[in-house]
C-alpha atoms as a PDB file:
ATOM      1  CA  ALA A   1      43.872 -22.038  21.247  1.00  0.00           C
ATOM      2  CA  ARG A   2      40.858 -23.618  23.057  1.00  0.00           C
ATOM      3  CA  THR A   3      40.032 -20.229  24.724  1.00  0.00           C
ATOM      4  CA  ASP A   4      40.141 -18.490  21.197  1.00  0.00           C
ATOM      5  CA  ARG A   5      37.823 -21.234  19.890  1.00  0.00           C
ATOM      6  CA  ASP A   6      35.461 -20.806  22.847  1.00  0.00           C
ATOM      7  CA  ASN A   7      35.219 -17.076  22.311  1.00  0.00           C
ATOM      8  CA  ALA A   8      34.584 -17.405  18.621  1.00  0.00           C
ATOM      9  CA  VAL A   9      31.780 -19.897  19.253  1.00  0.00           C
ATOM     10  CA  ARG A  10      30.277 -17.555  21.861  1.00  0.00           C
ATOM     11  CA  GLN A  11      30.619 -14.550  19.517  1.00  0.00           C
ATOM     12  CA  ARG A  12      28.969 -16.521  16.683  1.00  0.00           C
ATOM     13  CA  ASP A  13      26.040 -17.634  18.929  1.00  0.00           C
ATOM     14  CA  SER A  14      25.552 -14.122  20.229  1.00  0.00           C
ATOM     15  CA  ALA A  15      25.548 -12.751  16.625  1.00  0.00           C
ATOM     16  CA  GLU A  16      23.004 -15.461  15.634  1.00  0.00           C
ATOM     17  CA  GLN A  17      20.770 -14.639  18.512  1.00  0.00           C
ATOM     18  CA  GLU A  18      20.927 -10.957  17.680  1.00  0.00           C
ATOM     19  CA  ARG A  19      20.032 -11.640  14.035  1.00  0.00           C
ATOM     20  CA  ASP A  20      17.035 -13.669  15.093  1.00  0.00           C
ATOM     21  CA  LEU A  21      15.859 -11.051  17.525  1.00  0.00           C
ATOM     22  CA  ILE A  22      16.091  -8.296  14.892  1.00  0.00           C
ATOM     23  CA  GLN A  23      14.285 -10.489  12.452  1.00  0.00           C
ATOM     24  CA  ALA A  24      11.430 -11.238  14.904  1.00  0.00           C
ATOM     25  CA  TYR A  25      11.127  -7.478  15.606  1.00  0.00           C
ATOM     26  CA  ALA A  26      11.051  -6.757  12.010  1.00  0.00           C
ATOM     27  CA  SER A  27       8.457  -9.425  11.197  1.00  0.00           C
ATOM     28  CA  THR A  28       6.151  -8.231  14.201  1.00  0.00           C
ATOM     29  CA  LEU A  29       6.412  -4.587  13.174  1.00  0.00           C
ATOM     30  CA  GLN A  30       5.747  -5.300   9.493  1.00  0.00           C
ATOM     31  CA  SER A  31       2.552  -7.329  10.410  1.00  0.00           C
ATOM     32  CA  THR A  32       1.173  -4.342  12.014  1.00  0.00           C
ATOM     33  CA  LEU A  33       1.343  -2.245   8.805  1.00  0.00           C
ATOM     34  CA  ILE A  34      -0.660  -4.672   6.474  1.00  0.00           C
ATOM     35  CA  PRO A  35      -4.346  -5.875   7.130  1.00  0.00           C
ATOM     36  CA  PRO A  36      -4.480  -9.409   8.788  1.00  0.00           C
ATOM     37  CA  SER A  37      -7.407 -10.278   6.297  1.00  0.00           C
ATOM     38  CA  LEU A  38      -9.339  -8.778   3.504  1.00  0.00           C
ATOM     39  CA  PRO A  39     -13.120  -8.097   3.589  1.00  0.00           C
ATOM     40  CA  SER A  40     -15.692 -10.407   1.766  1.00  0.00           C
ATOM     41  CA  ILE A  41     -17.222  -8.566  -1.075  1.00  0.00           C
ATOM     42  CA  GLU A  42     -20.100 -10.474  -2.795  1.00  0.00           C
ATOM     43  CA  GLY A  43     -19.474 -11.141  -6.427  1.00  0.00           C
ATOM     44  CA  ALA A  44     -15.895 -10.213  -6.339  1.00  0.00           C
ATOM     45  CA  HIS A  45     -12.598 -12.062  -5.265  1.00  0.00           C
ATOM     46  CA  LEU A  46      -9.913 -10.194  -3.455  1.00  0.00           C
ATOM     47  CA  ALA A  47      -6.486 -11.500  -3.183  1.00  0.00           C
ATOM     48  CA  THR A  48      -3.024 -10.133  -2.130  1.00  0.00           C
ATOM     49  CA  HIS A  49       0.566 -11.291  -2.062  1.00  0.00           C
ATOM     50  CA  PHE A  50       3.121  -9.490   0.115  1.00  0.00           C
ATOM     51  CA  ARG A  51       6.886 -10.416   0.421  1.00  0.00           C
ATOM     52  CA  PRO A  52       9.234  -8.099   2.324  1.00  0.00           C
ATOM     53  CA  ALA A  53      12.510  -7.427   0.636  1.00  0.00           C
ATOM     54  CA  SER A  54      14.385  -8.526   3.602  1.00  0.00           C
ATOM     55  CA  PRO A  55      13.311 -10.513   6.756  1.00  0.00           C
ATOM     56  CA  ARG A  56      15.520  -8.361   8.985  1.00  0.00           C
ATOM     57  CA  ASP A  57      14.134  -4.989   7.824  1.00  0.00           C
ATOM     58  CA  VAL A  58      10.767  -3.135   7.566  1.00  0.00           C
ATOM     59  CA  GLY A  59       9.850  -2.047   4.156  1.00  0.00           C
ATOM     60  CA  GLY A  60       7.739   0.937   3.186  1.00  0.00           C
ATOM     61  CA  ASP A  61       4.995  -1.014   0.991  1.00  0.00           C
ATOM     62  CA  PHE A  62       1.575  -0.947   2.339  1.00  0.00           C
ATOM     63  CA  TYR A  63      -2.007  -1.714   1.256  1.00  0.00           C
ATOM     64  CA  ASP A  64      -5.483  -2.084   2.624  1.00  0.00           C
ATOM     65  CA  VAL A  65      -9.188  -2.827   1.588  1.00  0.00           C
ATOM     66  CA  PHE A  66     -12.008  -1.763   4.121  1.00  0.00           C
ATOM     67  CA  PRO A  67     -15.749  -1.215   4.154  1.00  0.00           C
ATOM     68  CA  LEU A  68     -17.033   2.289   3.870  1.00  0.00           C
ATOM     69  CA  SER A  69     -20.818   1.914   3.623  1.00  0.00           C
ATOM     70  CA  GLU A  70     -23.391  -0.682   2.398  1.00  0.00           C
ATOM     71  CA  GLY A  71     -22.114  -1.818  -0.999  1.00  0.00           C
ATOM     72  CA  ARG A  72     -19.071   0.291  -1.056  1.00  0.00           C
ATOM     73  CA  TRP A  73     -15.425  -0.218   0.014  1.00  0.00           C
ATOM     74  CA  GLY A  74     -12.356   1.731   0.141  1.00  0.00           C
ATOM     75  CA  PHE A  75      -8.840   0.559  -0.956  1.00  0.00           C
ATOM     76  CA  PHE A  76      -5.265   1.820  -1.200  1.00  0.00           C
ATOM     77  CA  ILE A  77      -1.721   0.692  -1.951  1.00  0.00           C
ATOM     78  CA  GLY A  78       1.534   2.564  -1.706  1.00  0.00           C
ATOM     79  CA  ASP A  79       5.223   2.676  -1.068  1.00  0.00           C
ATOM     80  CA  VAL A  80       7.165   5.012   1.290  1.00  0.00           C
ATOM     81  CA  VAL A  81      10.663   6.081   0.303  1.00  0.00           C
ATOM     82  CA  GLY A  82      13.117   4.175   2.269  1.00  0.00           C
ATOM     83  CA  HIS A  83      12.845   1.414   4.819  1.00  0.00           C
ATOM     84  CA  GLY A  84      13.497   0.671   8.491  1.00  0.00           C
ATOM     85  CA  VAL A  85      11.895   2.275  11.660  1.00  0.00           C
ATOM     86  CA  GLN A  86      11.434   5.703  10.147  1.00  0.00           C
ATOM     87  CA  ALA A  87       9.702   4.286   7.089  1.00  0.00           C
ATOM     88  CA  ALA A  88       7.293   2.324   9.410  1.00  0.00           C
ATOM     89  CA  VAL A  89       6.442   5.308  11.386  1.00  0.00           C
ATOM     90  CA  ALA A  90       5.539   7.072   8.049  1.00  0.00           C
ATOM     91  CA  THR A  91       3.620   3.967   6.778  1.00  0.00           C
ATOM     92  CA  SER A  92       1.611   3.886   9.984  1.00  0.00           C
ATOM     93  CA  LEU A  93       0.534   7.596   9.751  1.00  0.00           C
ATOM     94  CA  ILE A  94      -0.318   7.225   6.041  1.00  0.00           C
ATOM     95  CA  ARG A  95      -2.446   4.029   6.485  1.00  0.00           C
ATOM     96  CA  TYR A  96      -4.632   5.705   9.217  1.00  0.00           C
ATOM     97  CA  THR A  97      -4.835   8.922   7.483  1.00  0.00           C
ATOM     98  CA  LEU A  98      -6.001   7.292   4.260  1.00  0.00           C
ATOM     99  CA  ARG A  99      -8.590   5.362   6.162  1.00  0.00           C
ATOM    100  CA  SER A 100      -9.941   8.419   7.971  1.00  0.00           C
ATOM    101  CA  ALA A 101      -9.922  10.531   4.873  1.00  0.00           C
ATOM    102  CA  ALA A 102     -11.909   7.924   2.835  1.00  0.00           C
ATOM    103  CA  TRP A 103     -14.642   8.066   5.469  1.00  0.00           C
ATOM    104  CA  HIS A 104     -14.852  11.911   5.022  1.00  0.00           C
ATOM    105  CA  TYR A 105     -14.500  12.199   1.259  1.00  0.00           C
ATOM    106  CA  ASP A 106     -16.007  10.462  -1.622  1.00  0.00           C
ATOM    107  CA  ASP A 107     -13.501  12.073  -4.139  1.00  0.00           C
ATOM    108  CA  PRO A 108     -10.188  10.241  -4.168  1.00  0.00           C
ATOM    109  CA  ILE A 109      -8.566  13.705  -5.015  1.00  0.00           C
ATOM    110  CA  GLU A 110      -9.640  15.116  -1.651  1.00  0.00           C
ATOM    111  CA  VAL A 111      -8.282  11.890   0.082  1.00  0.00           C
ATOM    112  CA  LEU A 112      -4.856  12.500  -1.465  1.00  0.00           C
ATOM    113  CA  ARG A 113      -4.956  16.116  -0.639  1.00  0.00           C
ATOM    114  CA  GLU A 114      -5.762  15.530   2.917  1.00  0.00           C
ATOM    115  CA  LEU A 115      -2.942  12.851   3.092  1.00  0.00           C
ATOM    116  CA  ASN A 116      -0.445  15.269   1.501  1.00  0.00           C
ATOM    117  CA  ASP A 117      -1.265  18.032   4.015  1.00  0.00           C
ATOM    118  CA  VAL A 118      -0.729  15.638   6.971  1.00  0.00           C
ATOM    119  CA  MET A 119       2.505  14.314   5.622  1.00  0.00           C
ATOM    120  CA  MET A 120       3.817  17.919   5.043  1.00  0.00           C
ATOM    121  CA  GLY A 121       2.874  18.948   8.537  1.00  0.00           C
ATOM    122  CA  GLU A 122       3.520  15.751  10.534  1.00  0.00           C
ATOM    123  CA  LEU A 123       6.627  13.992   9.109  1.00  0.00           C
ATOM    124  CA  ALA A 124      10.052  15.264   9.788  1.00  0.00           C
ATOM    125  CA  PRO A 125      12.158  14.394   8.215  1.00  0.00           C
ATOM    126  CA  ARG A 126      10.001  14.081   5.098  1.00  0.00           C
ATOM    127  CA  ARG A 127       9.209  10.554   3.817  1.00  0.00           C
ATOM    128  CA  PRO A 128       7.528  10.889   0.542  1.00  0.00           C
ATOM    129  CA  CYS A 129       5.375   8.165  -0.769  1.00  0.00           C
ATOM    130  CA  THR A 130       3.414   7.005  -3.875  1.00  0.00           C
ATOM    131  CA  VAL A 131      -0.264   6.040  -3.542  1.00  0.00           C
ATOM    132  CA  ILE A 132      -3.121   4.771  -5.585  1.00  0.00           C
ATOM    133  CA  THR A 133      -6.399   4.952  -3.536  1.00  0.00           C
ATOM    134  CA  GLY A 134     -10.036   4.763  -4.452  1.00  0.00           C
ATOM    135  CA  ALA A 135     -13.420   3.189  -3.811  1.00  0.00           C
ATOM    136  CA  ILE A 136     -15.306   0.153  -5.056  1.00  0.00           C
ATOM    137  CA  ARG A 137     -19.018   0.130  -5.534  1.00  0.00           C
ATOM    138  CA  ALA A 138     -21.349  -2.626  -6.417  1.00  0.00           C
ATOM    139  CA  ASP A 139     -23.490  -1.554  -9.395  1.00  0.00           C
ATOM    140  CA  PRO A 140     -27.197  -2.125  -8.226  1.00  0.00           C
ATOM    141  CA  HIS A 141     -28.406  -2.713 -11.847  1.00  0.00           C
ATOM    142  CA  SER A 142     -25.869  -5.356 -12.883  1.00  0.00           C
ATOM    143  CA  ASP A 143     -23.044  -7.671 -11.720  1.00  0.00           C
ATOM    144  CA  ASP A 144     -20.443  -5.007 -12.567  1.00  0.00           C
ATOM    145  CA  PHE A 145     -18.365  -3.071  -9.896  1.00  0.00           C
ATOM    146  CA  LEU A 146     -17.754   0.821 -10.385  1.00  0.00           C
ATOM    147  CA  ILE A 147     -14.289   1.910  -9.373  1.00  0.00           C
ATOM    148  CA  THR A 148     -13.066   5.324  -8.851  1.00  0.00           C
ATOM    149  CA  LEU A 149      -9.278   5.896  -8.103  1.00  0.00           C
ATOM    150  CA  GLY A 150      -6.734   8.647  -7.782  1.00  0.00           C
ATOM    151  CA  THR A 151      -3.062   8.501  -7.929  1.00  0.00           C
ATOM    152  CA  GLY A 152      -0.122  10.195  -6.276  1.00  0.00           C
ATOM    153  CA  GLY A 153       2.785   9.242  -8.442  1.00  0.00           C
ATOM    154  CA  HIS A 154       2.267   5.471  -8.198  1.00  0.00           C
ATOM    155  CA  GLN A 155       2.652   2.910 -11.054  1.00  0.00           C
ATOM    156  CA  PRO A 156      -0.541   2.431 -12.989  1.00  0.00           C
ATOM    157  CA  GLY A 157      -3.021  -0.322 -12.389  1.00  0.00           C
ATOM    158  CA  LEU A 158      -3.551  -3.042 -14.882  1.00  0.00           C
ATOM    159  CA  LEU A 159      -7.033  -4.191 -16.183  1.00  0.00           C
ATOM    160  CA  LEU A 160      -6.867  -7.769 -17.318  1.00  0.00           C
ATOM    161  CA  ASP A 161      -9.532  -9.106 -19.415  1.00  0.00           C
ATOM    162  CA  PRO A 162      -9.599 -12.735 -20.703  1.00  0.00           C
ATOM    163  CA  ALA A 163     -11.113 -11.498 -24.084  1.00  0.00           C
ATOM    164  CA  GLU A 164      -8.157  -9.193 -24.681  1.00  0.00           C
ATOM    165  CA  SER A 165      -4.700 -10.005 -25.616  1.00  0.00           C
ATOM    166  CA  ALA A 166      -3.040  -7.297 -23.563  1.00  0.00           C
ATOM    167  CA  ALA A 167      -3.490  -5.743 -20.389  1.00  0.00           C
ATOM    168  CA  GLN A 168      -4.957  -2.108 -20.319  1.00  0.00           C
ATOM    169  CA  HIS A 169      -3.041   0.554 -18.118  1.00  0.00           C
ATOM    170  CA  ILE A 170      -5.338   2.334 -15.639  1.00  0.00           C
ATOM    171  CA  ARG A 171      -4.162   5.562 -14.323  1.00  0.00           C
ATOM    172  CA  PRO A 172      -5.436   9.175 -14.025  1.00  0.00           C
ATOM    173  CA  SER A 173      -3.631  11.642 -16.424  1.00  0.00           C
ATOM    174  CA  THR A 174      -1.767  13.452 -13.645  1.00  0.00           C
ATOM    175  CA  GLY A 175      -0.587  12.796 -10.107  1.00  0.00           C
ATOM    176  CA  MET A 176       2.592  13.657  -8.060  1.00  0.00           C
ATOM    177  CA  MET A 177       4.037  11.648  -5.247  1.00  0.00           C
ATOM    178  CA  LEU A 178       2.886  12.820  -1.809  1.00  0.00           C
ATOM    179  CA  GLY A 179       4.690  14.377   1.061  1.00  0.00           C
ATOM    180  CA  ALA A 180       7.288  16.433  -1.194  1.00  0.00           C
ATOM    181  CA  PHE A 181       5.344  19.521  -2.320  1.00  0.00           C
ATOM    182  CA  LYS A 182       2.566  21.413  -0.515  1.00  0.00           C
ATOM    183  CA  ASP A 183       0.419  21.961  -3.555  1.00  0.00           C
ATOM    184  CA  ALA A 184       1.029  18.762  -5.437  1.00  0.00           C
ATOM    185  CA  PRO A 185      -1.620  17.976  -8.124  1.00  0.00           C
ATOM    186  CA  PHE A 186      -3.608  14.977  -8.220  1.00  0.00           C
ATOM    187  CA  SER A 187      -6.316  13.518 -10.550  1.00  0.00           C
ATOM    188  CA  ALA A 188      -8.666  10.663 -10.588  1.00  0.00           C
ATOM    189  CA  CYS A 189     -10.369   8.268 -13.054  1.00  0.00           C
ATOM    190  CA  SER A 190     -12.985   5.690 -13.127  1.00  0.00           C
ATOM    191  CA  LEU A 191     -13.684   2.303 -14.730  1.00  0.00           C
ATOM    192  CA  ARG A 192     -16.303  -0.273 -14.778  1.00  0.00           C
ATOM    193  CA  LEU A 193     -15.175  -3.688 -13.667  1.00  0.00           C
ATOM    194  CA  ARG A 194     -17.077  -6.466 -15.399  1.00  0.00           C
ATOM    195  CA  PRO A 195     -17.426 -10.162 -14.562  1.00  0.00           C
ATOM    196  CA  GLY A 196     -14.247 -11.973 -15.579  1.00  0.00           C
ATOM    197  CA  GLN A 197     -12.072  -8.957 -15.386  1.00  0.00           C
ATOM    198  CA  THR A 198      -9.280  -8.396 -12.915  1.00  0.00           C
ATOM    199  CA  LEU A 199      -7.913  -5.060 -11.568  1.00  0.00           C
ATOM    200  CA  LEU A 200      -4.230  -5.500 -10.531  1.00  0.00           C
ATOM    201  CA  LEU A 201      -2.419  -3.085  -8.326  1.00  0.00           C
ATOM    202  CA  PHE A 202       1.158  -3.400  -7.460  1.00  0.00           C
ATOM    203  CA  THR A 203       4.241  -1.583  -6.051  1.00  0.00           C
ATOM    204  CA  ASP A 204       7.481  -0.984  -7.784  1.00  0.00           C
ATOM    205  CA  ARG A 205       9.292  -4.009  -6.581  1.00  0.00           C
ATOM    206  CA  ILE A 206       7.232  -6.011  -9.023  1.00  0.00           C
ATOM    207  CA  VAL A 207       8.719  -4.248 -12.045  1.00  0.00           C
ATOM    208  CA  GLU A 208      12.246  -4.016 -10.442  1.00  0.00           C
END
């Protein structure tokens, strides 16, 4: 009986150690897929909140904000289908492709097309994703920010205005998810973000 109990204790300790190791690996890998900090933009306040669905698995949610030129910043948020190591591989490719494309194209539609081409050619098996990407530019003639954004099947953003009783949905008219169809259509829209207003972008876990 003592031997059985000792074996049970050893098995339990081994399972706990394995669980802790998996959790540590997942946490480390997840931390490489999101920015360690956000840039400082004079006249604006940036804030993020990220909570993985499970501490022992890597999710497919990602986001970033990064400088492009004087007075202009790029941003994106998205969600890869699935989770685990394969989703992490896809997320890493998507993040760096979006950053690179944002440097080469001012039009978010071209950024999305570039990403879609890369995903169709580089990812096997396919890992579709939804994305909102765009750019923020300080208006030199006011305290406003001019924002352009394009969507690839992602949830709409919300424009929050303290003077309004309801949020306004911000989304281009069309836009399919990326990495599923070679000639997927994308579109873009623009808005003026005024002092006191907030643009909220999120992934589907919020609505779920």
